[in-house]
Amino acid sequence: MNIQHSGTFLVAADGTVAYRRTAKLPPNSFDRHELLAAIAHSATGRPPRR
């Protein structure tokens, strides 16, 4: 039996993982708004506005 696990990762220029979202099912391993907020935070160093 195989168990699938999927994920989306954002790796910073220094090699650290700036964002990760993992899930057992591929559709659940990606959240566009979360990823865009993580990219903005990584670029500016400020937390995202809500």
PDB file of N, CA and C in Angstrom:
ATOM      1  N   MET A   1       0.838  -1.171   0.000  1.00  0.00           N
ATOM      2  CA  MET A   1       0.000   0.000   0.000  1.00  0.00           C
ATOM      3  C   MET A   1       0.891   1.245   0.000  1.00  0.00           C
ATOM      4  N   ASN A   2       0.598   2.159  -0.874  1.00  0.00           N
ATOM      5  CA  ASN A   2       1.337   3.419  -0.955  1.00  0.00           C
ATOM      6  C   ASN A   2       0.522   4.536  -0.340  1.00  0.00           C
ATOM      7  N   ILE A   3       1.194   5.417   0.351  1.00  0.00           N
ATOM      8  CA  ILE A   3       0.541   6.592   0.909  1.00  0.00           C
ATOM      9  C   ILE A   3       1.139   7.806   0.226  1.00  0.00           C
ATOM     10  N   GLN A   4       0.286   8.583  -0.400  1.00  0.00           N
ATOM     11  CA  GLN A   4       0.740   9.782  -1.094  1.00  0.00           C
ATOM     12  C   GLN A   4       0.745  10.954  -0.122  1.00  0.00           C
ATOM     13  N   HIS A   5       1.729  11.806  -0.255  1.00  0.00           N
ATOM     14  CA  HIS A   5       1.795  13.025   0.542  1.00  0.00           C
ATOM     15  C   HIS A   5       2.315  14.119  -0.374  1.00  0.00           C
ATOM     16  N   SER A   6       1.635  15.238  -0.403  1.00  0.00           N
ATOM     17  CA  SER A   6       2.005  16.333  -1.291  1.00  0.00           C
ATOM     18  C   SER A   6       2.315  17.582  -0.487  1.00  0.00           C
ATOM     19  N   GLY A   7       3.017  18.511  -1.121  1.00  0.00           N
ATOM     20  CA  GLY A   7       3.326  19.743  -0.412  1.00  0.00           C
ATOM     21  C   GLY A   7       3.731  20.870  -1.336  1.00  0.00           C
ATOM     22  N   THR A   8       3.630  22.070  -0.799  1.00  0.00           N
ATOM     23  CA  THR A   8       4.085  23.280  -1.460  1.00  0.00           C
ATOM     24  C   THR A   8       5.097  23.933  -0.527  1.00  0.00           C
ATOM     25  N   PHE A   9       6.252  24.298  -1.065  1.00  0.00           N
ATOM     26  CA  PHE A   9       7.321  24.876  -0.253  1.00  0.00           C
ATOM     27  C   PHE A   9       7.814  26.161  -0.896  1.00  0.00           C
ATOM     28  N   LEU A  10       8.161  27.120  -0.050  1.00  0.00           N
ATOM     29  CA  LEU A  10       8.810  28.350  -0.492  1.00  0.00           C
ATOM     30  C   LEU A  10      10.166  28.378   0.195  1.00  0.00           C
ATOM     31  N   VAL A  11      11.223  28.335  -0.609  1.00  0.00           N
ATOM     32  CA  VAL A  11      12.582  28.310  -0.069  1.00  0.00           C
ATOM     33  C   VAL A  11      13.212  29.684  -0.287  1.00  0.00           C
ATOM     34  N   ALA A  12      13.696  30.277   0.787  1.00  0.00           N
ATOM     35  CA  ALA A  12      14.317  31.601   0.731  1.00  0.00           C
ATOM     36  C   ALA A  12      15.689  31.514   0.059  1.00  0.00           C
ATOM     37  N   ALA A  13      16.214  32.662  -0.312  1.00  0.00           N
ATOM     38  CA  ALA A  13      17.513  32.719  -0.989  1.00  0.00           C
ATOM     39  C   ALA A  13      18.635  32.104  -0.158  1.00  0.00           C
ATOM     40  N   ASP A  14      18.505  32.161   1.169  1.00  0.00           N
ATOM     41  CA  ASP A  14      19.547  31.586   2.028  1.00  0.00           C
ATOM     42  C   ASP A  14      19.363  30.088   2.265  1.00  0.00           C
ATOM     43  N   GLY A  15      18.358  29.503   1.624  1.00  0.00           N
ATOM     44  CA  GLY A  15      18.139  28.057   1.724  1.00  0.00           C
ATOM     45  C   GLY A  15      17.179  27.618   2.811  1.00  0.00           C
ATOM     46  N   THR A  16      16.682  28.561   3.608  1.00  0.00           N
ATOM     47  CA  THR A  16      15.722  28.191   4.644  1.00  0.00           C
ATOM     48  C   THR A  16      14.323  28.051   4.048  1.00  0.00           C
ATOM     49  N   VAL A  17      13.524  27.217   4.668  1.00  0.00           N
ATOM     50  CA  VAL A  17      12.141  27.037   4.222  1.00  0.00           C
ATOM     51  C   VAL A  17      11.310  28.158   4.843  1.00  0.00           C
ATOM     52  N   ALA A  18      10.835  29.060   3.987  1.00  0.00           N
ATOM     53  CA  ALA A  18      10.073  30.211   4.453  1.00  0.00           C
ATOM     54  C   ALA A  18       8.592  29.880   4.610  1.00  0.00           C
ATOM     55  N   TYR A  19       8.124  28.847   3.924  1.00  0.00           N
ATOM     56  CA  TYR A  19       6.710  28.461   3.980  1.00  0.00           C
ATOM     57  C   TYR A  19       6.598  27.011   3.566  1.00  0.00           C
ATOM     58  N   ARG A  20       5.700  26.306   4.224  1.00  0.00           N
ATOM     59  CA  ARG A  20       5.403  24.945   3.781  1.00  0.00           C
ATOM     60  C   ARG A  20       3.967  24.614   4.133  1.00  0.00           C
ATOM     61  N   ARG A  21       3.327  23.898   3.253  1.00  0.00           N
ATOM     62  CA  ARG A  21       1.970  23.400   3.482  1.00  0.00           C
ATOM     63  C   ARG A  21       1.936  21.995   2.914  1.00  0.00           C
ATOM     64  N   THR A  22       1.671  21.027   3.760  1.00  0.00           N
ATOM     65  CA  THR A  22       1.638  19.643   3.322  1.00  0.00           C
ATOM     66  C   THR A  22       0.270  19.044   3.616  1.00  0.00           C
ATOM     67  N   ALA A  23      -0.074  18.012   2.847  1.00  0.00           N
ATOM     68  CA  ALA A  23      -1.354  17.333   3.023  1.00  0.00           C
ATOM     69  C   ALA A  23      -1.282  15.957   2.380  1.00  0.00           C
ATOM     70  N   LYS A  24      -2.207  15.113   2.766  1.00  0.00           N
ATOM     71  CA  LYS A  24      -2.264  13.775   2.181  1.00  0.00           C
ATOM     72  C   LYS A  24      -2.808  13.809   0.762  1.00  0.00           C
ATOM     73  N   LEU A  25      -3.674  14.765   0.464  1.00  0.00           N
ATOM     74  CA  LEU A  25      -4.257  14.880  -0.870  1.00  0.00           C
ATOM     75  C   LEU A  25      -3.718  16.128  -1.571  1.00  0.00           C
ATOM     76  N   PRO A  26      -3.308  16.005  -2.833  1.00  0.00           N
ATOM     77  CA  PRO A  26      -2.712  17.136  -3.551  1.00  0.00           C
ATOM     78  C   PRO A  26      -3.529  18.430  -3.540  1.00  0.00           C
ATOM     79  N   PRO A  27      -4.857  18.391  -3.737  1.00  0.00           N
ATOM     80  CA  PRO A  27      -5.597  19.665  -3.739  1.00  0.00           C
ATOM     81  C   PRO A  27      -5.518  20.425  -2.410  1.00  0.00           C
ATOM     82  N   ASN A  28      -5.300  19.714  -1.331  1.00  0.00           N
ATOM     83  CA  ASN A  28      -5.224  20.359  -0.022  1.00  0.00           C
ATOM     84  C   ASN A  28      -3.830  20.879   0.307  1.00  0.00           C
ATOM     85  N   SER A  29      -2.858  20.588  -0.535  1.00  0.00           N
ATOM     86  CA  SER A  29      -1.481  20.992  -0.235  1.00  0.00           C
ATOM     87  C   SER A  29      -1.122  22.343  -0.851  1.00  0.00           C
ATOM     88  N   PHE A  30      -2.108  23.023  -1.415  1.00  0.00           N
ATOM     89  CA  PHE A  30      -1.848  24.326  -2.028  1.00  0.00           C
ATOM     90  C   PHE A  30      -2.947  25.294  -1.628  1.00  0.00           C
ATOM     91  N   ASP A  31      -2.549  26.440  -1.111  1.00  0.00           N
ATOM     92  CA  ASP A  31      -3.482  27.522  -0.795  1.00  0.00           C
ATOM     93  C   ASP A  31      -2.885  28.802  -1.365  1.00  0.00           C
ATOM     94  N   ARG A  32      -3.493  29.287  -2.423  1.00  0.00           N
ATOM     95  CA  ARG A  32      -2.959  30.437  -3.157  1.00  0.00           C
ATOM     96  C   ARG A  32      -2.747  31.651  -2.251  1.00  0.00           C
ATOM     97  N   HIS A  33      -3.742  31.969  -1.440  1.00  0.00           N
ATOM     98  CA  HIS A  33      -3.652  33.157  -0.589  1.00  0.00           C
ATOM     99  C   HIS A  33      -2.565  33.017   0.476  1.00  0.00           C
ATOM    100  N   GLU A  34      -2.445  31.844   1.058  1.00  0.00           N
ATOM    101  CA  GLU A  34      -1.373  31.613   2.034  1.00  0.00           C
ATOM    102  C   GLU A  34      -0.002  31.762   1.395  1.00  0.00           C
ATOM    103  N   LEU A  35       0.156  31.179   0.202  1.00  0.00           N
ATOM    104  CA  LEU A  35       1.445  31.243  -0.481  1.00  0.00           C
ATOM    105  C   LEU A  35       1.792  32.676  -0.873  1.00  0.00           C
ATOM    106  N   LEU A  36       0.824  33.421  -1.411  1.00  0.00           N
ATOM    107  CA  LEU A  36       1.093  34.811  -1.778  1.00  0.00           C
ATOM    108  C   LEU A  36       1.450  35.649  -0.551  1.00  0.00           C
ATOM    109  N   ALA A  37       0.792  35.396   0.571  1.00  0.00           N
ATOM    110  CA  ALA A  37       1.123  36.109   1.806  1.00  0.00           C
ATOM    111  C   ALA A  37       2.538  35.763   2.262  1.00  0.00           C
ATOM    112  N   ALA A  38       2.918  34.503   2.131  1.00  0.00           N
ATOM    113  CA  ALA A  38       4.270  34.083   2.518  1.00  0.00           C
ATOM    114  C   ALA A  38       5.320  34.717   1.607  1.00  0.00           C
ATOM    115  N   ILE A  39       5.020  34.819   0.326  1.00  0.00           N
ATOM    116  CA  ILE A  39       5.944  35.466  -0.612  1.00  0.00           C
ATOM    117  C   ILE A  39       6.100  36.941  -0.251  1.00  0.00           C
ATOM    118  N   ALA A  40       4.990  37.613   0.025  1.00  0.00           N
ATOM    119  CA  ALA A  40       5.046  39.029   0.401  1.00  0.00           C
ATOM    120  C   ALA A  40       5.834  39.212   1.689  1.00  0.00           C
ATOM    121  N   HIS A  41       5.610  38.354   2.653  1.00  0.00           N
ATOM    122  CA  HIS A  41       6.328  38.436   3.928  1.00  0.00           C
ATOM    123  C   HIS A  41       7.820  38.197   3.716  1.00  0.00           C
ATOM    124  N   SER A  42       8.144  37.235   2.870  1.00  0.00           N
ATOM    125  CA  SER A  42       9.546  36.926   2.593  1.00  0.00           C
ATOM    126  C   SER A  42      10.244  38.105   1.908  1.00  0.00           C
ATOM    127  N   ALA A  43       9.516  38.787   1.021  1.00  0.00           N
ATOM    128  CA  ALA A  43      10.101  39.898   0.273  1.00  0.00           C
ATOM    129  C   ALA A  43      10.245  41.160   1.117  1.00  0.00           C
ATOM    130  N   THR A  44       9.309  41.386   2.040  1.00  0.00           N
ATOM    131  CA  THR A  44       9.310  42.639   2.799  1.00  0.00           C
ATOM    132  C   THR A  44       9.786  42.482   4.233  1.00  0.00           C
ATOM    133  N   GLY A  45       9.715  41.268   4.754  1.00  0.00           N
ATOM    134  CA  GLY A  45      10.071  41.045   6.146  1.00  0.00           C
ATOM    135  C   GLY A  45       8.968  41.420   7.119  1.00  0.00           C
ATOM    136  N   ARG A  46       7.841  41.864   6.569  1.00  0.00           N
ATOM    137  CA  ARG A  46       6.699  42.240   7.410  1.00  0.00           C
ATOM    138  C   ARG A  46       5.615  41.178   7.299  1.00  0.00           C
ATOM    139  N   PRO A  47       4.887  40.936   8.393  1.00  0.00           N
ATOM    140  CA  PRO A  47       3.785  39.978   8.317  1.00  0.00           C
ATOM    141  C   PRO A  47       2.688  40.500   7.395  1.00  0.00           C
ATOM    142  N   PRO A  48       1.914  39.615   6.787  1.00  0.00           N
ATOM    143  CA  PRO A  48       0.860  40.051   5.863  1.00  0.00           C
ATOM    144  C   PRO A  48      -0.246  40.816   6.585  1.00  0.00           C
ATOM    145  N   ARG A  49      -0.865  41.742   5.855  1.00  0.00           N
ATOM    146  CA  ARG A  49      -2.019  42.473   6.397  1.00  0.00           C
ATOM    147  C   ARG A  49      -3.242  41.587   6.307  1.00  0.00           C
ATOM    148  N   ARG A  50      -4.125  41.717   7.267  1.00  0.00           N
ATOM    149  CA  ARG A  50      -5.374  40.924   7.250  1.00  0.00           C
ATOM    150  C   ARG A  50      -6.552  41.815   7.055  1.00  0.00           C
TER     151      ARG A  50
END
